[in-house]
Amino acid sequence: MSLKMSLKMSIFADGFASWFRPKRRTTASEQAENTPNTTTGGDLDQEPVVVWLAANQMEAQIVKGRLESEGIPAIIRGEALGAIYGLTTGALAESAVLVPAALADKAEAILQSDESWEVDDTPPAAE
């Protein structure tokens, strides 16, 4: 084996030596100093909950739009396979509409309300 080859091997071997050394134990105060002050999740009232189980993606989009028009953020969760194949019926086509838990009661009240619109059938006056 040449000197050049043995030198390269020793360089790489020295780099791995630190991986196998026992780690120094840290005290509780050191761990507290190294712990980030932020959390990865939100409050429980921000946890998304299902307020509507739609038969397909189209219905879910309509429900989501209705909620968002009232100022309630909503997301749709459904099977990717149903969207890929364009399924409109069946278990793979189902989609759930989710809102933050704090707004779930308001969202359900909006979705259960009976909306009626007055339609004006008279033609516009000619000028």
C-alpha atoms as a PDB file:
ATOM      1  CA  MET A   1       0.000   0.000   0.000  1.00  0.00           C
ATOM      2  CA  SER A   2       1.384   3.365  -0.930  1.00  0.00           C
ATOM      3  CA  LEU A   3       1.960   6.196   1.515  1.00  0.00           C
ATOM      4  CA  LYS A   4      -0.620   8.316  -0.300  1.00  0.00           C
ATOM      5  CA  MET A   5      -3.341   5.680   0.116  1.00  0.00           C
ATOM      6  CA  SER A   6      -2.586   5.074   3.815  1.00  0.00           C
ATOM      7  CA  LEU A   7      -2.634   8.846   4.444  1.00  0.00           C
ATOM      8  CA  LYS A   8      -6.130   9.139   2.887  1.00  0.00           C
ATOM      9  CA  MET A   9      -7.436   6.232   4.941  1.00  0.00           C
ATOM     10  CA  SER A  10      -6.118   7.704   8.167  1.00  0.00           C
ATOM     11  CA  ILE A  11      -7.748  11.061   7.375  1.00  0.00           C
ATOM     12  CA  PHE A  12     -11.139   9.418   6.918  1.00  0.00           C
ATOM     13  CA  ALA A  13     -10.696   7.129   9.920  1.00  0.00           C
ATOM     14  CA  ASP A  14      -9.856  10.069  12.178  1.00  0.00           C
ATOM     15  CA  GLY A  15     -13.068  11.790  11.089  1.00  0.00           C
ATOM     16  CA  PHE A  16     -15.191   8.842  12.234  1.00  0.00           C
ATOM     17  CA  ALA A  17     -13.514   8.481  15.610  1.00  0.00           C
ATOM     18  CA  SER A  18     -15.624  11.252  17.171  1.00  0.00           C
ATOM     19  CA  TRP A  19     -18.830   9.431  16.232  1.00  0.00           C
ATOM     20  CA  PHE A  20     -18.030   6.506  18.493  1.00  0.00           C
ATOM     21  CA  ARG A  21     -16.942   8.412  21.568  1.00  0.00           C
ATOM     22  CA  PRO A  22     -19.421   8.459  24.444  1.00  0.00           C
ATOM     23  CA  LYS A  23     -21.461  11.637  24.513  1.00  0.00           C
ATOM     24  CA  ARG A  24     -21.051  13.974  27.458  1.00  0.00           C
ATOM     25  CA  ARG A  25     -24.142  14.004  29.650  1.00  0.00           C
ATOM     26  CA  THR A  26     -25.822  17.366  29.993  1.00  0.00           C
ATOM     27  CA  THR A  27     -27.405  18.682  33.147  1.00  0.00           C
ATOM     28  CA  ALA A  28     -31.032  19.797  33.350  1.00  0.00           C
ATOM     29  CA  SER A  29     -30.026  23.467  33.394  1.00  0.00           C
ATOM     30  CA  GLU A  30     -27.926  23.017  30.236  1.00  0.00           C
ATOM     31  CA  GLN A  31     -30.846  21.291  28.511  1.00  0.00           C
ATOM     32  CA  ALA A  32     -33.173  24.141  29.487  1.00  0.00           C
ATOM     33  CA  GLU A  33     -30.768  26.665  27.983  1.00  0.00           C
ATOM     34  CA  ASN A  34     -30.614  24.711  24.710  1.00  0.00           C
ATOM     35  CA  THR A  35     -34.372  24.159  24.450  1.00  0.00           C
ATOM     36  CA  PRO A  36     -36.077  26.465  21.941  1.00  0.00           C
ATOM     37  CA  ASN A  37     -38.748  28.812  23.296  1.00  0.00           C
ATOM     38  CA  THR A  38     -41.226  28.028  20.542  1.00  0.00           C
ATOM     39  CA  THR A  39     -43.484  25.046  20.098  1.00  0.00           C
ATOM     40  CA  THR A  40     -44.208  23.181  16.915  1.00  0.00           C
ATOM     41  CA  GLY A  41     -47.948  22.917  17.379  1.00  0.00           C
ATOM     42  CA  GLY A  42     -50.756  25.271  18.179  1.00  0.00           C
ATOM     43  CA  ASP A  43     -53.293  25.445  20.934  1.00  0.00           C
ATOM     44  CA  LEU A  44     -55.958  22.784  21.147  1.00  0.00           C
ATOM     45  CA  ASP A  45     -58.563  25.306  19.998  1.00  0.00           C
ATOM     46  CA  GLN A  46     -56.613  25.596  16.734  1.00  0.00           C
ATOM     47  CA  GLU A  47     -56.668  21.848  16.116  1.00  0.00           C
ATOM     48  CA  PRO A  48     -58.634  21.170  12.910  1.00  0.00           C
ATOM     49  CA  VAL A  49     -61.930  19.318  13.329  1.00  0.00           C
ATOM     50  CA  VAL A  50     -64.280  17.896  10.705  1.00  0.00           C
ATOM     51  CA  VAL A  51     -67.469  19.917  10.257  1.00  0.00           C
ATOM     52  CA  TRP A  52     -68.670  18.443   6.963  1.00  0.00           C
ATOM     53  CA  LEU A  53     -68.155  15.114   5.250  1.00  0.00           C
ATOM     54  CA  ALA A  54     -68.695  15.735   1.538  1.00  0.00           C
ATOM     55  CA  ALA A  55     -69.537  13.058  -1.014  1.00  0.00           C
ATOM     56  CA  ASN A  56     -66.875  14.367  -3.394  1.00  0.00           C
ATOM     57  CA  GLN A  57     -64.280  17.079  -3.948  1.00  0.00           C
ATOM     58  CA  MET A  58     -66.723  19.412  -5.728  1.00  0.00           C
ATOM     59  CA  GLU A  59     -69.131  19.470  -2.786  1.00  0.00           C
ATOM     60  CA  ALA A  60     -66.225  20.016  -0.393  1.00  0.00           C
ATOM     61  CA  GLN A  61     -65.044  23.023  -2.426  1.00  0.00           C
ATOM     62  CA  ILE A  62     -68.529  24.568  -2.253  1.00  0.00           C
ATOM     63  CA  VAL A  63     -68.698  24.075   1.524  1.00  0.00           C
ATOM     64  CA  LYS A  64     -65.183  25.478   1.939  1.00  0.00           C
ATOM     65  CA  GLY A  65     -66.099  28.529  -0.122  1.00  0.00           C
ATOM     66  CA  ARG A  66     -69.226  29.122   1.976  1.00  0.00           C
ATOM     67  CA  LEU A  67     -67.207  29.002   5.196  1.00  0.00           C
ATOM     68  CA  GLU A  68     -64.457  31.236   3.852  1.00  0.00           C
ATOM     69  CA  SER A  69     -67.054  33.789   2.687  1.00  0.00           C
ATOM     70  CA  GLU A  70     -68.082  34.039   6.360  1.00  0.00           C
ATOM     71  CA  GLY A  71     -64.463  34.514   7.475  1.00  0.00           C
ATOM     72  CA  ILE A  72     -63.855  30.971   8.720  1.00  0.00           C
ATOM     73  CA  PRO A  73     -60.633  29.356   7.446  1.00  0.00           C
ATOM     74  CA  ALA A  74     -61.197  25.852   6.112  1.00  0.00           C
ATOM     75  CA  ILE A  75     -59.156  23.061   4.586  1.00  0.00           C
ATOM     76  CA  ILE A  76     -60.161  19.973   2.655  1.00  0.00           C
ATOM     77  CA  ARG A  77     -58.800  16.529   3.399  1.00  0.00           C
ATOM     78  CA  GLY A  78     -59.501  13.622   1.078  1.00  0.00           C
ATOM     79  CA  GLU A  79     -58.012  10.582  -0.595  1.00  0.00           C
ATOM     80  CA  ALA A  80     -55.410  11.488  -3.186  1.00  0.00           C
ATOM     81  CA  LEU A  81     -56.347   8.431  -5.223  1.00  0.00           C
ATOM     82  CA  GLY A  82     -59.874   9.748  -5.733  1.00  0.00           C
ATOM     83  CA  ALA A  83     -58.530  13.049  -7.053  1.00  0.00           C
ATOM     84  CA  ILE A  84     -55.997  11.328  -9.309  1.00  0.00           C
ATOM     85  CA  TYR A  85     -58.587   9.123 -10.966  1.00  0.00           C
ATOM     86  CA  GLY A  86     -61.308  11.794 -10.926  1.00  0.00           C
ATOM     87  CA  LEU A  87     -63.723   9.733  -8.846  1.00  0.00           C
ATOM     88  CA  THR A  88     -66.975  11.483  -7.947  1.00  0.00           C
ATOM     89  CA  THR A  89     -68.723   8.740  -5.962  1.00  0.00           C
ATOM     90  CA  GLY A  90     -67.717   6.127  -3.441  1.00  0.00           C
ATOM     91  CA  ALA A  91     -65.431   5.994  -0.441  1.00  0.00           C
ATOM     92  CA  LEU A  92     -62.363   7.197  -2.352  1.00  0.00           C
ATOM     93  CA  ALA A  93     -64.211  10.310  -3.513  1.00  0.00           C
ATOM     94  CA  GLU A  94     -65.210  11.438   0.002  1.00  0.00           C
ATOM     95  CA  SER A  95     -63.625  14.626   1.326  1.00  0.00           C
ATOM     96  CA  ALA A  96     -63.753  16.136   4.795  1.00  0.00           C
ATOM     97  CA  VAL A  97     -63.937  19.879   5.406  1.00  0.00           C
ATOM     98  CA  LEU A  98     -61.994  20.917   8.505  1.00  0.00           C
ATOM     99  CA  VAL A  99     -61.975  24.163  10.501  1.00  0.00           C
ATOM    100  CA  PRO A 100     -60.194  25.253  13.707  1.00  0.00           C
ATOM    101  CA  ALA A 101     -61.864  23.777  16.800  1.00  0.00           C
ATOM    102  CA  ALA A 102     -62.613  27.233  18.200  1.00  0.00           C
ATOM    103  CA  LEU A 103     -64.741  28.040  15.135  1.00  0.00           C
ATOM    104  CA  ALA A 104     -66.395  24.631  14.713  1.00  0.00           C
ATOM    105  CA  ASP A 105     -69.700  25.590  16.359  1.00  0.00           C
ATOM    106  CA  LYS A 106     -69.986  28.740  14.254  1.00  0.00           C
ATOM    107  CA  ALA A 107     -69.141  26.790  11.096  1.00  0.00           C
ATOM    108  CA  GLU A 108     -71.729  24.112  11.816  1.00  0.00           C
ATOM    109  CA  ALA A 109     -74.379  26.780  12.473  1.00  0.00           C
ATOM    110  CA  ILE A 110     -73.598  28.426   9.127  1.00  0.00           C
ATOM    111  CA  LEU A 111     -73.734  25.125   7.272  1.00  0.00           C
ATOM    112  CA  GLN A 112     -77.008  24.077   8.928  1.00  0.00           C
ATOM    113  CA  SER A 113     -78.722  27.430   8.336  1.00  0.00           C
ATOM    114  CA  ASP A 114     -81.402  27.590   5.674  1.00  0.00           C
ATOM    115  CA  GLU A 115     -80.541  30.349   3.241  1.00  0.00           C
ATOM    116  CA  SER A 116     -83.189  31.724   0.946  1.00  0.00           C
ATOM    117  CA  TRP A 117     -82.794  34.386  -1.683  1.00  0.00           C
ATOM    118  CA  GLU A 118     -85.375  36.578  -3.275  1.00  0.00           C
ATOM    119  CA  VAL A 119     -85.223  36.498  -7.035  1.00  0.00           C
ATOM    120  CA  ASP A 120     -86.397  39.507  -8.976  1.00  0.00           C
ATOM    121  CA  ASP A 121     -87.889  38.162 -12.213  1.00  0.00           C
ATOM    122  CA  THR A 122     -88.883  41.540 -13.649  1.00  0.00           C
ATOM    123  CA  PRO A 123     -86.857  42.593 -16.637  1.00  0.00           C
ATOM    124  CA  PRO A 124     -84.852  45.805 -16.374  1.00  0.00           C
ATOM    125  CA  ALA A 125     -86.587  48.936 -17.643  1.00  0.00           C
ATOM    126  CA  ALA A 126     -85.592  50.138 -21.108  1.00  0.00           C
ATOM    127  CA  GLU A 127     -83.926  53.506 -21.242  1.00  0.00           C
END
